[in-house]
Amino acid sequence: MPLKYLADLPLAVRIAGSVHGLLFVCLVVMLMMATTRVPISKWLALAGMIAAVVPFGPFVFDRWLVRESRTR
């Protein structure tokens, strides 16, 4: 966004936005694949997808996963 408004480069937002969207889709696909290959529960995969949408959610989700893995 700063490149769009401060440097007048709307193409930078288009490129960064496309990469961001692609990475989000990859995350969702990987979480869905993990339900069968790791396996993780569908609820855990859903929580990961929701965390990806919430600001700073992935950091909270990652910390929660680390705690859960230590208890098992």
PDB file of N, CA and C in Angstrom:
ATOM      1  N   MET A   1       0.810  -1.196   0.000  1.00  0.00           N
ATOM      2  CA  MET A   1       0.000   0.000   0.000  1.00  0.00           C
ATOM      3  C   MET A   1       0.855   1.263   0.000  1.00  0.00           C
ATOM      4  N   PRO A   2       1.959   1.332   0.752  1.00  0.00           N
ATOM      5  CA  PRO A   2       2.765   2.555   0.679  1.00  0.00           C
ATOM      6  C   PRO A   2       3.309   2.801  -0.725  1.00  0.00           C
ATOM      7  N   LEU A   3       3.664   1.721  -1.435  1.00  0.00           N
ATOM      8  CA  LEU A   3       4.162   1.916  -2.793  1.00  0.00           C
ATOM      9  C   LEU A   3       3.071   2.454  -3.718  1.00  0.00           C
ATOM     10  N   LYS A   4       1.844   2.075  -3.465  1.00  0.00           N
ATOM     11  CA  LYS A   4       0.746   2.546  -4.310  1.00  0.00           C
ATOM     12  C   LYS A   4       0.504   4.033  -4.117  1.00  0.00           C
ATOM     13  N   TYR A   5       0.448   4.473  -2.869  1.00  0.00           N
ATOM     14  CA  TYR A   5       0.057   5.851  -2.611  1.00  0.00           C
ATOM     15  C   TYR A   5       1.234   6.812  -2.499  1.00  0.00           C
ATOM     16  N   LEU A   6       2.348   6.386  -1.958  1.00  0.00           N
ATOM     17  CA  LEU A   6       3.480   7.296  -1.794  1.00  0.00           C
ATOM     18  C   LEU A   6       4.379   7.335  -3.024  1.00  0.00           C
ATOM     19  N   ALA A   7       4.549   6.194  -3.687  1.00  0.00           N
ATOM     20  CA  ALA A   7       5.422   6.142  -4.852  1.00  0.00           C
ATOM     21  C   ALA A   7       4.644   6.061  -6.163  1.00  0.00           C
ATOM     22  N   ASP A   8       3.324   6.069  -6.071  1.00  0.00           N
ATOM     23  CA  ASP A   8       2.455   6.006  -7.256  1.00  0.00           C
ATOM     24  C   ASP A   8       2.785   4.783  -8.127  1.00  0.00           C
ATOM     25  N   LEU A   9       2.860   3.618  -7.475  1.00  0.00           N
ATOM     26  CA  LEU A   9       3.142   2.364  -8.171  1.00  0.00           C
ATOM     27  C   LEU A   9       2.031   1.342  -7.893  1.00  0.00           C
ATOM     28  N   PRO A  10       0.883   1.483  -8.560  1.00  0.00           N
ATOM     29  CA  PRO A  10      -0.204   0.538  -8.304  1.00  0.00           C
ATOM     30  C   PRO A  10       0.128  -0.899  -8.719  1.00  0.00           C
ATOM     31  N   LEU A  11       1.080  -1.068  -9.631  1.00  0.00           N
ATOM     32  CA  LEU A  11       1.469  -2.408 -10.054  1.00  0.00           C
ATOM     33  C   LEU A  11       2.082  -3.199  -8.898  1.00  0.00           C
ATOM     34  N   ALA A  12       2.776  -2.517  -8.001  1.00  0.00           N
ATOM     35  CA  ALA A  12       3.381  -3.194  -6.850  1.00  0.00           C
ATOM     36  C   ALA A  12       2.305  -3.840  -5.982  1.00  0.00           C
ATOM     37  N   VAL A  13       1.177  -3.163  -5.807  1.00  0.00           N
ATOM     38  CA  VAL A  13       0.087  -3.711  -5.003  1.00  0.00           C
ATOM     39  C   VAL A  13      -0.531  -4.909  -5.722  1.00  0.00           C
ATOM     40  N   ARG A  14      -0.656  -4.816  -7.002  1.00  0.00           N
ATOM     41  CA  ARG A  14      -1.227  -5.930  -7.762  1.00  0.00           C
ATOM     42  C   ARG A  14      -0.347  -7.173  -7.647  1.00  0.00           C
ATOM     43  N   ILE A  15       0.954  -6.992  -7.759  1.00  0.00           N
ATOM     44  CA  ILE A  15       1.881  -8.129  -7.669  1.00  0.00           C
ATOM     45  C   ILE A  15       1.900  -8.689  -6.254  1.00  0.00           C
ATOM     46  N   ALA A  16       2.075  -7.822  -5.268  1.00  0.00           N
ATOM     47  CA  ALA A  16       2.124  -8.282  -3.875  1.00  0.00           C
ATOM     48  C   ALA A  16       0.792  -8.915  -3.463  1.00  0.00           C
ATOM     49  N   GLY A  17      -0.314  -8.341  -3.914  1.00  0.00           N
ATOM     50  CA  GLY A  17      -1.631  -8.897  -3.596  1.00  0.00           C
ATOM     51  C   GLY A  17      -1.834 -10.265  -4.216  1.00  0.00           C
ATOM     52  N   SER A  18      -1.355 -10.435  -5.432  1.00  0.00           N
ATOM     53  CA  SER A  18      -1.475 -11.736  -6.100  1.00  0.00           C
ATOM     54  C   SER A  18      -0.649 -12.796  -5.391  1.00  0.00           C
ATOM     55  N   VAL A  19       0.569 -12.439  -4.999  1.00  0.00           N
ATOM     56  CA  VAL A  19       1.427 -13.382  -4.279  1.00  0.00           C
ATOM     57  C   VAL A  19       0.802 -13.728  -2.927  1.00  0.00           C
ATOM     58  N   HIS A  20       0.275 -12.717  -2.252  1.00  0.00           N
ATOM     59  CA  HIS A  20      -0.373 -12.930  -0.950  1.00  0.00           C
ATOM     60  C   HIS A  20      -1.569 -13.872  -1.085  1.00  0.00           C
ATOM     61  N   GLY A  21      -2.381 -13.660  -2.089  1.00  0.00           N
ATOM     62  CA  GLY A  21      -3.540 -14.520  -2.334  1.00  0.00           C
ATOM     63  C   GLY A  21      -3.130 -15.946  -2.664  1.00  0.00           C
ATOM     64  N   LEU A  22      -2.088 -16.095  -3.475  1.00  0.00           N
ATOM     65  CA  LEU A  22      -1.595 -17.426  -3.824  1.00  0.00           C
ATOM     66  C   LEU A  22      -1.095 -18.157  -2.579  1.00  0.00           C
ATOM     67  N   LEU A  23      -0.365 -17.456  -1.724  1.00  0.00           N
ATOM     68  CA  LEU A  23       0.134 -18.082  -0.500  1.00  0.00           C
ATOM     69  C   LEU A  23      -1.004 -18.488   0.429  1.00  0.00           C
ATOM     70  N   PHE A  24      -2.057 -17.683   0.484  1.00  0.00           N
ATOM     71  CA  PHE A  24      -3.208 -18.037   1.309  1.00  0.00           C
ATOM     72  C   PHE A  24      -3.887 -19.296   0.781  1.00  0.00           C
ATOM     73  N   VAL A  25      -4.066 -19.376  -0.517  1.00  0.00           N
ATOM     74  CA  VAL A  25      -4.676 -20.565  -1.116  1.00  0.00           C
ATOM     75  C   VAL A  25      -3.795 -21.792  -0.855  1.00  0.00           C
ATOM     76  N   CYS A  26      -2.479 -21.632  -0.951  1.00  0.00           N
ATOM     77  CA  CYS A  26      -1.563 -22.743  -0.659  1.00  0.00           C
ATOM     78  C   CYS A  26      -1.696 -23.194   0.792  1.00  0.00           C
ATOM     79  N   LEU A  27      -1.838 -22.242   1.706  1.00  0.00           N
ATOM     80  CA  LEU A  27      -2.020 -22.588   3.117  1.00  0.00           C
ATOM     81  C   LEU A  27      -3.285 -23.404   3.318  1.00  0.00           C
ATOM     82  N   VAL A  28      -4.374 -22.976   2.713  1.00  0.00           N
ATOM     83  CA  VAL A  28      -5.638 -23.695   2.851  1.00  0.00           C
ATOM     84  C   VAL A  28      -5.514 -25.111   2.274  1.00  0.00           C
ATOM     85  N   VAL A  29      -4.875 -25.237   1.127  1.00  0.00           N
ATOM     86  CA  VAL A  29      -4.699 -26.567   0.518  1.00  0.00           C
ATOM     87  C   VAL A  29      -3.827 -27.451   1.408  1.00  0.00           C
ATOM     88  N   MET A  30      -2.751 -26.882   1.947  1.00  0.00           N
ATOM     89  CA  MET A  30      -1.870 -27.674   2.821  1.00  0.00           C
ATOM     90  C   MET A  30      -2.586 -28.120   4.098  1.00  0.00           C
ATOM     91  N   LEU A  31      -3.399 -27.247   4.666  1.00  0.00           N
ATOM     92  CA  LEU A  31      -4.152 -27.636   5.851  1.00  0.00           C
ATOM     93  C   LEU A  31      -5.152 -28.742   5.527  1.00  0.00           C
ATOM     94  N   MET A  32      -5.786 -28.661   4.367  1.00  0.00           N
ATOM     95  CA  MET A  32      -6.724 -29.712   3.972  1.00  0.00           C
ATOM     96  C   MET A  32      -5.990 -31.029   3.738  1.00  0.00           C
ATOM     97  N   MET A  33      -4.811 -30.968   3.137  1.00  0.00           N
ATOM     98  CA  MET A  33      -4.024 -32.181   2.918  1.00  0.00           C
ATOM     99  C   MET A  33      -3.547 -32.769   4.246  1.00  0.00           C
ATOM    100  N   ALA A  34      -3.263 -31.905   5.203  1.00  0.00           N
ATOM    101  CA  ALA A  34      -2.777 -32.374   6.503  1.00  0.00           C
ATOM    102  C   ALA A  34      -3.828 -33.181   7.253  1.00  0.00           C
ATOM    103  N   THR A  35      -5.099 -32.940   6.960  1.00  0.00           N
ATOM    104  CA  THR A  35      -6.148 -33.702   7.654  1.00  0.00           C
ATOM    105  C   THR A  35      -6.073 -35.189   7.314  1.00  0.00           C
ATOM    106  N   THR A  36      -5.496 -35.533   6.172  1.00  0.00           N
ATOM    107  CA  THR A  36      -5.388 -36.939   5.805  1.00  0.00           C
ATOM    108  C   THR A  36      -3.974 -37.483   5.950  1.00  0.00           C
ATOM    109  N   ARG A  37      -2.975 -36.653   5.783  1.00  0.00           N
ATOM    110  CA  ARG A  37      -1.605 -37.163   5.768  1.00  0.00           C
ATOM    111  C   ARG A  37      -0.895 -37.089   7.111  1.00  0.00           C
ATOM    112  N   VAL A  38      -1.204 -36.110   7.956  1.00  0.00           N
ATOM    113  CA  VAL A  38      -0.445 -35.966   9.198  1.00  0.00           C
ATOM    114  C   VAL A  38      -0.923 -36.933  10.262  1.00  0.00           C
ATOM    115  N   PRO A  39      -2.088 -37.202  10.600  1.00  0.00           N
ATOM    116  CA  PRO A  39      -3.344 -36.494  10.376  1.00  0.00           C
ATOM    117  C   PRO A  39      -3.626 -35.488  11.499  1.00  0.00           C
ATOM    118  N   ILE A  40      -4.306 -34.440  11.121  1.00  0.00           N
ATOM    119  CA  ILE A  40      -4.818 -33.485  12.101  1.00  0.00           C
ATOM    120  C   ILE A  40      -6.333 -33.476  11.965  1.00  0.00           C
ATOM    121  N   SER A  41      -6.995 -33.006  12.990  1.00  0.00           N
ATOM    122  CA  SER A  41      -8.458 -32.995  12.929  1.00  0.00           C
ATOM    123  C   SER A  41      -8.936 -31.898  11.984  1.00  0.00           C
ATOM    124  N   LYS A  42     -10.134 -32.068  11.502  1.00  0.00           N
ATOM    125  CA  LYS A  42     -10.711 -31.049  10.625  1.00  0.00           C
ATOM    126  C   LYS A  42     -10.935 -29.749  11.385  1.00  0.00           C
ATOM    127  N   TRP A  43     -11.191 -29.858  12.686  1.00  0.00           N
ATOM    128  CA  TRP A  43     -11.377 -28.654  13.512  1.00  0.00           C
ATOM    129  C   TRP A  43     -10.073 -27.879  13.627  1.00  0.00           C
ATOM    130  N   LEU A  44      -8.970 -28.601  13.743  1.00  0.00           N
ATOM    131  CA  LEU A  44      -7.672 -27.951  13.832  1.00  0.00           C
ATOM    132  C   LEU A  44      -7.333 -27.258  12.510  1.00  0.00           C
ATOM    133  N   ALA A  45      -7.640 -27.904  11.402  1.00  0.00           N
ATOM    134  CA  ALA A  45      -7.417 -27.292  10.094  1.00  0.00           C
ATOM    135  C   ALA A  45      -8.287 -26.049   9.930  1.00  0.00           C
ATOM    136  N   LEU A  46      -9.533 -26.131  10.379  1.00  0.00           N
ATOM    137  CA  LEU A  46     -10.422 -24.973  10.306  1.00  0.00           C
ATOM    138  C   LEU A  46      -9.899 -23.829  11.180  1.00  0.00           C
ATOM    139  N   ALA A  47      -9.393 -24.169  12.356  1.00  0.00           N
ATOM    140  CA  ALA A  47      -8.821 -23.142  13.239  1.00  0.00           C
ATOM    141  C   ALA A  47      -7.619 -22.478  12.575  1.00  0.00           C
ATOM    142  N   GLY A  48      -6.823 -23.248  11.855  1.00  0.00           N
ATOM    143  CA  GLY A  48      -5.687 -22.685  11.128  1.00  0.00           C
ATOM    144  C   GLY A  48      -6.126 -21.740  10.026  1.00  0.00           C
ATOM    145  N   MET A  49      -7.201 -22.089   9.335  1.00  0.00           N
ATOM    146  CA  MET A  49      -7.717 -21.215   8.279  1.00  0.00           C
ATOM    147  C   MET A  49      -8.278 -19.920   8.860  1.00  0.00           C
ATOM    148  N   ILE A  50      -8.984 -20.032   9.966  1.00  0.00           N
ATOM    149  CA  ILE A  50      -9.528 -18.838  10.614  1.00  0.00           C
ATOM    150  C   ILE A  50      -8.391 -17.961  11.140  1.00  0.00           C
ATOM    151  N   ALA A  51      -7.379 -18.597  11.718  1.00  0.00           N
ATOM    152  CA  ALA A  51      -6.234 -17.845  12.234  1.00  0.00           C
ATOM    153  C   ALA A  51      -5.514 -17.096  11.119  1.00  0.00           C
ATOM    154  N   ALA A  52      -5.534 -17.650   9.919  1.00  0.00           N
ATOM    155  CA  ALA A  52      -4.867 -17.000   8.791  1.00  0.00           C
ATOM    156  C   ALA A  52      -5.569 -15.707   8.373  1.00  0.00           C
ATOM    157  N   VAL A  53      -6.835 -15.582   8.707  1.00  0.00           N
ATOM    158  CA  VAL A  53      -7.598 -14.391   8.324  1.00  0.00           C
ATOM    159  C   VAL A  53      -7.491 -13.293   9.385  1.00  0.00           C
ATOM    160  N   VAL A  54      -7.373 -13.694  10.640  1.00  0.00           N
ATOM    161  CA  VAL A  54      -7.317 -12.752  11.754  1.00  0.00           C
ATOM    162  C   VAL A  54      -5.905 -12.153  11.838  1.00  0.00           C
ATOM    163  N   PRO A  55      -5.786 -10.836  11.985  1.00  0.00           N
ATOM    164  CA  PRO A  55      -4.449 -10.245  12.129  1.00  0.00           C
ATOM    165  C   PRO A  55      -3.691 -10.860  13.302  1.00  0.00           C
ATOM    166  N   PHE A  56      -2.465 -11.227  13.071  1.00  0.00           N
ATOM    167  CA  PHE A  56      -1.565 -11.879  14.030  1.00  0.00           C
ATOM    168  C   PHE A  56      -2.079 -13.244  14.481  1.00  0.00           C
ATOM    169  N   GLY A  57      -3.123 -13.733  13.856  1.00  0.00           N
ATOM    170  CA  GLY A  57      -3.680 -15.039  14.185  1.00  0.00           C
ATOM    171  C   GLY A  57      -2.706 -16.190  13.983  1.00  0.00           C
ATOM    172  N   PRO A  58      -1.923 -16.183  12.890  1.00  0.00           N
ATOM    173  CA  PRO A  58      -0.978 -17.288  12.704  1.00  0.00           C
ATOM    174  C   PRO A  58       0.054 -17.403  13.824  1.00  0.00           C
ATOM    175  N   PHE A  59       0.451 -16.276  14.412  1.00  0.00           N
ATOM    176  CA  PHE A  59       1.410 -16.325  15.511  1.00  0.00           C
ATOM    177  C   PHE A  59       0.789 -16.978  16.743  1.00  0.00           C
ATOM    178  N   VAL A  60      -0.454 -16.633  17.023  1.00  0.00           N
ATOM    179  CA  VAL A  60      -1.164 -17.234  18.150  1.00  0.00           C
ATOM    180  C   VAL A  60      -1.392 -18.716  17.891  1.00  0.00           C
ATOM    181  N   PHE A  61      -1.808 -19.052  16.684  1.00  0.00           N
ATOM    182  CA  PHE A  61      -2.059 -20.441  16.312  1.00  0.00           C
ATOM    183  C   PHE A  61      -0.780 -21.269  16.402  1.00  0.00           C
ATOM    184  N   ASP A  62       0.331 -20.716  15.941  1.00  0.00           N
ATOM    185  CA  ASP A  62       1.604 -21.424  15.996  1.00  0.00           C
ATOM    186  C   ASP A  62       2.028 -21.682  17.440  1.00  0.00           C
ATOM    187  N   ARG A  63       1.874 -20.694  18.296  1.00  0.00           N
ATOM    188  CA  ARG A  63       2.223 -20.869  19.702  1.00  0.00           C
ATOM    189  C   ARG A  63       1.352 -21.956  20.336  1.00  0.00           C
ATOM    190  N   TRP A  64       0.073 -21.948  19.987  1.00  0.00           N
ATOM    191  CA  TRP A  64      -0.850 -22.962  20.506  1.00  0.00           C
ATOM    192  C   TRP A  64      -0.437 -24.355  20.023  1.00  0.00           C
ATOM    193  N   LEU A  65      -0.050 -24.476  18.741  1.00  0.00           N
ATOM    194  CA  LEU A  65       0.379 -25.772  18.212  1.00  0.00           C
ATOM    195  C   LEU A  65       1.631 -26.281  18.911  1.00  0.00           C
ATOM    196  N   VAL A  66       2.564 -25.383  19.198  1.00  0.00           N
ATOM    197  CA  VAL A  66       3.793 -25.786  19.886  1.00  0.00           C
ATOM    198  C   VAL A  66       3.462 -26.324  21.269  1.00  0.00           C
ATOM    199  N   ARG A  67       2.585 -25.632  21.995  1.00  0.00           N
ATOM    200  CA  ARG A  67       2.182 -26.107  23.329  1.00  0.00           C
ATOM    201  C   ARG A  67       1.493 -27.458  23.252  1.00  0.00           C
ATOM    202  N   GLU A  68       0.617 -27.624  22.260  1.00  0.00           N
ATOM    203  CA  GLU A  68      -0.096 -28.885  22.103  1.00  0.00           C
ATOM    204  C   GLU A  68       0.863 -30.031  21.768  1.00  0.00           C
ATOM    205  N   SER A  69       1.859 -29.765  20.948  1.00  0.00           N
ATOM    206  CA  SER A  69       2.790 -30.831  20.556  1.00  0.00           C
ATOM    207  C   SER A  69       3.666 -31.249  21.728  1.00  0.00           C
ATOM    208  N   ARG A  70       3.930 -30.350  22.661  1.00  0.00           N
ATOM    209  CA  ARG A  70       4.753 -30.709  23.821  1.00  0.00           C
ATOM    210  C   ARG A  70       3.981 -31.591  24.806  1.00  0.00           C
ATOM    211  N   THR A  71       2.678 -31.464  24.834  1.00  0.00           N
ATOM    212  CA  THR A  71       1.886 -32.263  25.762  1.00  0.00           C
ATOM    213  C   THR A  71       1.621 -33.673  25.238  1.00  0.00           C
ATOM    214  N   ARG A  72       1.873 -33.907  23.990  1.00  0.00           N
ATOM    215  CA  ARG A  72       1.597 -35.226  23.409  1.00  0.00           C
ATOM    216  C   ARG A  72       2.809 -36.087  23.364  1.00  0.00           C
TER     217      ARG A  72
END
